[in-house]
Amino acid sequence: MQLIHKDILGCQELTAAEISLILDTAETMRLVLNASNKKTAHLQGKSVITLFYENSTRTRLSFEMAAKFMGASAANISSSGSSINKGETLIDTARTIDRMATDILIIRHSQSGAPHLIAPYVQASVINAGDGMNEHPTQALLDLFTMRSKKGHLQGLKVALAGDLLHSRVARSNIWALTKMGAEVRVSAPPTLLPPGLELTGALIARVCTMLSGM
């Protein structure tokens, strides 16, 4: 089985089968990380570019190290050190990178929908490393991988998400992914920090447990 689309833009677009495929593949890669030789040829000859419009340490480094572990050539572009500061548009920047024989373009942007905007304009596979308040699919997939590793399964798990869910892109991705994998998601937050219509959205099968502020 392969992923349906060339891009990973959000957990909303992924199917349960695709999520399972990603988690199973990650299980194999964990064996590589625990080995004395962390080098594989999975991405030999491929180029991976991280395009980060937001500051990041863990996310960017995780992608760059993973690319190198799997044999790819990796490079990073930040907004402060590129033509972005000269007024180049996001689409133009993505097209320029794509023309340099880029195979995988990983983008982190403060604007919701930025990965979805550039994906149709490039041949490279676009991976969303966090876009505004929309989604952070790779972080959610890591969360699911950890849960499955500890519990042995995701189907039927009761998972609670608490805190500022309105502004949390990770929470959105987790809700999409967990519900698709058969988990029961319960969210808890003050009414002002809950996304509008969360409990009414068919794909987000979440039970809303509203708590009072200050309690």
Protein backbone atom coordinates (compact mmCIF):
# COMPACT_ATOMS: atom_id res chain seq x y z
CA MET A 1 0.00 0.00 0.00
CA GLN A 2 1.06 3.57 -0.69
CA LEU A 3 -0.22 6.99 0.35
CA ILE A 4 -3.06 8.21 -1.85
CA HIS A 5 -1.61 11.68 -2.38
CA LYS A 6 1.96 12.88 -2.86
CA ASP A 7 1.60 15.30 0.07
CA ILE A 8 0.92 15.14 3.80
CA LEU A 9 -1.00 18.34 4.39
CA GLY A 10 -3.04 17.35 7.44
CA CYS A 11 -4.61 14.48 9.31
CA GLN A 12 -7.96 15.60 7.95
CA GLU A 13 -6.91 14.35 4.51
CA LEU A 14 -5.33 11.08 5.65
CA THR A 15 -7.33 7.86 5.77
CA ALA A 16 -7.16 5.36 8.63
CA ALA A 17 -5.27 2.98 6.35
CA GLU A 18 -2.71 5.67 5.51
CA ILE A 19 -2.23 6.52 9.18
CA SER A 20 -1.67 2.85 9.97
CA LEU A 21 0.86 2.62 7.14
CA ILE A 22 2.78 5.62 8.49
CA LEU A 23 2.79 4.24 12.04
CA ASP A 24 3.92 0.79 10.87
CA THR A 25 6.73 2.37 8.85
CA ALA A 26 7.78 4.46 11.84
CA GLU A 27 8.01 1.28 13.91
CA THR A 28 10.60 -0.05 11.46
CA MET A 29 12.52 3.22 11.56
CA ARG A 30 12.65 3.08 15.35
CA LEU A 31 14.75 -0.06 14.99
CA VAL A 32 17.16 1.94 12.85
CA LEU A 33 17.44 4.69 15.47
CA ASN A 34 18.22 2.15 18.16
CA ALA A 35 20.95 0.52 16.06
CA SER A 36 24.62 1.46 16.22
CA ASN A 37 24.56 2.39 12.52
CA LYS A 38 21.74 4.86 11.93
CA LYS A 39 22.26 5.09 8.18
CA THR A 40 19.83 3.57 5.68
CA ALA A 41 19.32 3.96 1.93
CA HIS A 42 15.54 4.57 2.01
CA LEU A 43 15.96 8.09 0.60
CA GLN A 44 19.28 7.61 -1.17
CA GLY A 45 19.56 10.13 -4.00
CA LYS A 46 16.59 12.20 -2.79
CA SER A 47 16.69 15.85 -1.72
CA VAL A 48 14.79 17.23 1.27
CA ILE A 49 14.33 20.96 1.87
CA THR A 50 12.87 22.44 5.08
CA LEU A 51 11.25 25.84 4.51
CA PHE A 52 10.49 27.38 7.88
CA TYR A 53 8.76 30.73 8.22
CA GLU A 54 8.53 30.16 11.99
CA ASN A 55 11.35 29.55 14.43
CA SER A 56 11.76 25.93 15.43
CA THR A 57 14.34 23.70 17.06
CA ARG A 58 12.83 20.25 17.60
CA THR A 59 10.62 20.04 14.50
CA ARG A 60 13.21 21.28 12.02
CA LEU A 61 16.04 19.27 13.52
CA SER A 62 13.88 16.13 13.62
CA PHE A 63 13.16 16.40 9.91
CA GLU A 64 16.75 17.18 8.96
CA MET A 65 18.21 14.36 11.05
CA ALA A 66 15.61 11.88 9.74
CA ALA A 67 16.45 12.84 6.15
CA LYS A 68 20.16 12.31 6.77
CA PHE A 69 19.60 9.02 8.60
CA MET A 70 17.72 7.77 5.54
CA GLY A 71 20.43 8.85 3.09
CA ALA A 72 18.88 12.01 1.64
CA SER A 73 20.55 15.35 0.98
CA ALA A 74 19.02 17.89 3.38
CA ALA A 75 19.06 21.68 3.45
CA ASN A 76 17.19 24.36 5.38
CA ILE A 77 15.78 27.71 4.29
CA SER A 78 14.60 30.28 6.83
CA SER A 79 12.60 33.41 6.04
CA SER A 80 15.29 35.67 7.50
CA GLY A 81 17.98 34.43 5.14
CA SER A 82 16.15 34.19 1.84
CA SER A 83 14.50 36.24 -0.89
CA ILE A 84 11.35 36.21 1.21
CA ASN A 85 12.67 39.38 2.85
CA LYS A 86 12.85 40.99 -0.58
CA GLY A 87 9.14 40.46 -1.19
CA GLU A 88 9.16 37.10 -2.96
CA THR A 89 5.79 35.39 -2.60
CA LEU A 90 5.30 32.01 -0.96
CA ILE A 91 4.31 30.40 -4.25
CA ASP A 92 7.34 31.86 -6.07
CA THR A 93 9.65 30.64 -3.31
CA ALA A 94 8.13 27.16 -3.49
CA ARG A 95 8.43 27.09 -7.27
CA THR A 96 12.08 28.15 -7.10
CA ILE A 97 12.88 25.40 -4.62
CA ASP A 98 10.95 22.88 -6.71
CA ARG A 99 12.99 23.75 -9.82
CA MET A 100 16.15 22.74 -7.96
CA ALA A 101 15.19 19.06 -8.26
CA THR A 102 13.69 18.99 -4.78
CA ASP A 103 11.90 15.75 -3.93
CA ILE A 104 10.41 16.66 -0.55
CA LEU A 105 9.51 20.15 0.64
CA ILE A 106 8.72 20.50 4.35
CA ILE A 107 7.05 23.78 5.28
CA ARG A 108 6.21 25.46 8.57
CA HIS A 109 4.23 28.69 8.29
CA SER A 110 2.25 31.02 10.53
CA GLN A 111 -0.55 31.23 7.97
CA SER A 112 -3.20 28.51 8.07
CA GLY A 113 -3.43 26.74 4.72
CA ALA A 114 0.06 27.65 3.48
CA PRO A 115 1.03 24.03 2.63
CA HIS A 116 -2.27 23.53 0.81
CA LEU A 117 -1.57 26.72 -1.19
CA ILE A 118 1.79 25.64 -2.57
CA ALA A 119 1.16 21.91 -3.04
CA PRO A 120 -0.59 22.23 -6.45
CA TYR A 121 2.24 24.38 -7.80
CA VAL A 122 5.14 22.00 -7.14
CA GLN A 123 6.04 18.47 -8.15
CA ALA A 124 7.81 17.84 -4.84
CA SER A 125 5.97 16.13 -2.02
CA VAL A 126 4.85 18.79 0.46
CA ILE A 127 4.82 17.93 4.17
CA ASN A 128 3.06 20.22 6.62
CA ALA A 129 5.25 20.91 9.67
CA GLY A 130 2.64 23.22 11.21
CA ASP A 131 0.46 25.89 9.58
CA GLY A 132 -1.02 28.65 11.71
CA MET A 133 -3.84 27.40 13.93
CA ASN A 134 -4.85 24.75 11.40
CA GLU A 135 -2.86 21.51 11.75
CA HIS A 136 0.44 19.95 12.78
CA PRO A 137 -0.01 16.44 11.33
CA THR A 138 3.48 15.06 11.93
CA GLN A 139 3.34 15.93 15.63
CA ALA A 140 -0.05 14.22 15.91
CA LEU A 141 1.26 11.14 14.12
CA LEU A 142 4.12 11.01 16.61
CA ASP A 143 1.58 11.26 19.44
CA LEU A 144 -0.40 8.35 17.97
CA PHE A 145 2.78 6.34 17.52
CA THR A 146 3.63 6.84 21.20
CA MET A 147 0.10 5.92 22.33
CA ARG A 148 0.07 2.77 20.20
CA SER A 149 3.52 1.78 21.44
CA LYS A 150 2.46 2.13 25.07
CA LYS A 151 -1.08 0.76 24.82
CA GLY A 152 -0.71 -1.68 21.96
CA HIS A 153 -3.67 -0.27 20.03
CA LEU A 154 -5.65 2.90 19.27
CA GLN A 155 -9.09 1.42 18.63
CA GLY A 156 -11.32 2.05 21.65
CA LEU A 157 -8.83 4.17 23.57
CA LYS A 158 -10.30 7.06 25.55
CA VAL A 159 -8.11 10.10 24.96
CA ALA A 160 -8.60 13.45 26.69
CA LEU A 161 -7.32 16.72 25.25
CA ALA A 162 -7.35 19.64 27.68
CA GLY A 163 -6.29 23.27 27.46
CA ASP A 164 -6.32 25.94 24.79
CA LEU A 165 -7.83 23.92 21.95
CA LEU A 166 -8.88 26.99 19.97
CA HIS A 167 -5.31 27.92 19.11
CA SER A 168 -3.77 24.42 19.14
CA ARG A 169 -2.98 23.05 15.70
CA VAL A 170 -1.64 19.88 17.32
CA ALA A 171 -4.98 19.27 19.04
CA ARG A 172 -6.85 19.59 15.75
CA SER A 173 -4.58 17.06 14.08
CA ASN A 174 -4.87 14.72 17.05
CA ILE A 175 -8.67 14.83 16.99
CA TRP A 176 -8.79 14.08 13.26
CA ALA A 177 -6.29 11.24 13.50
CA LEU A 178 -7.51 9.64 16.72
CA THR A 179 -11.16 9.55 15.72
CA LYS A 180 -10.24 7.98 12.37
CA MET A 181 -8.32 5.29 14.23
CA GLY A 182 -11.32 4.48 16.41
CA ALA A 183 -10.34 6.28 19.60
CA GLU A 184 -12.88 8.14 21.73
CA VAL A 185 -11.70 11.72 22.03
CA ARG A 186 -12.87 13.94 24.86
CA VAL A 187 -11.90 17.60 24.93
CA SER A 188 -11.94 19.89 27.96
CA ALA A 189 -11.45 23.65 27.95
CA PRO A 190 -13.14 26.91 28.95
CA PRO A 191 -15.86 27.80 26.42
CA THR A 192 -13.74 30.66 25.03
CA LEU A 193 -10.91 28.23 24.18
CA LEU A 194 -13.00 25.65 22.32
CA PRO A 195 -13.17 25.76 18.50
CA PRO A 196 -16.70 26.74 17.41
CA GLY A 197 -18.89 23.80 16.42
CA LEU A 198 -16.36 21.18 17.43
CA GLU A 199 -18.97 18.78 18.78
CA LEU A 200 -21.19 19.28 15.70
CA THR A 201 -18.57 18.46 13.07
CA GLY A 202 -19.22 14.97 11.74
CA ALA A 203 -15.55 14.09 11.19
CA LEU A 204 -14.58 15.31 14.64
CA ILE A 205 -16.41 12.82 16.82
CA ALA A 206 -15.49 14.46 20.11
CA ARG A 207 -17.37 14.67 23.37
CA VAL A 208 -17.04 18.20 24.75
CA CYS A 209 -16.54 18.38 28.51
CA THR A 210 -16.70 22.11 29.22
CA MET A 211 -14.99 23.25 32.39
CA LEU A 212 -15.42 26.57 34.15
CA SER A 213 -12.52 29.00 34.13
CA GLY A 214 -10.63 29.17 37.39
CA MET A 215 -11.64 25.66 38.53
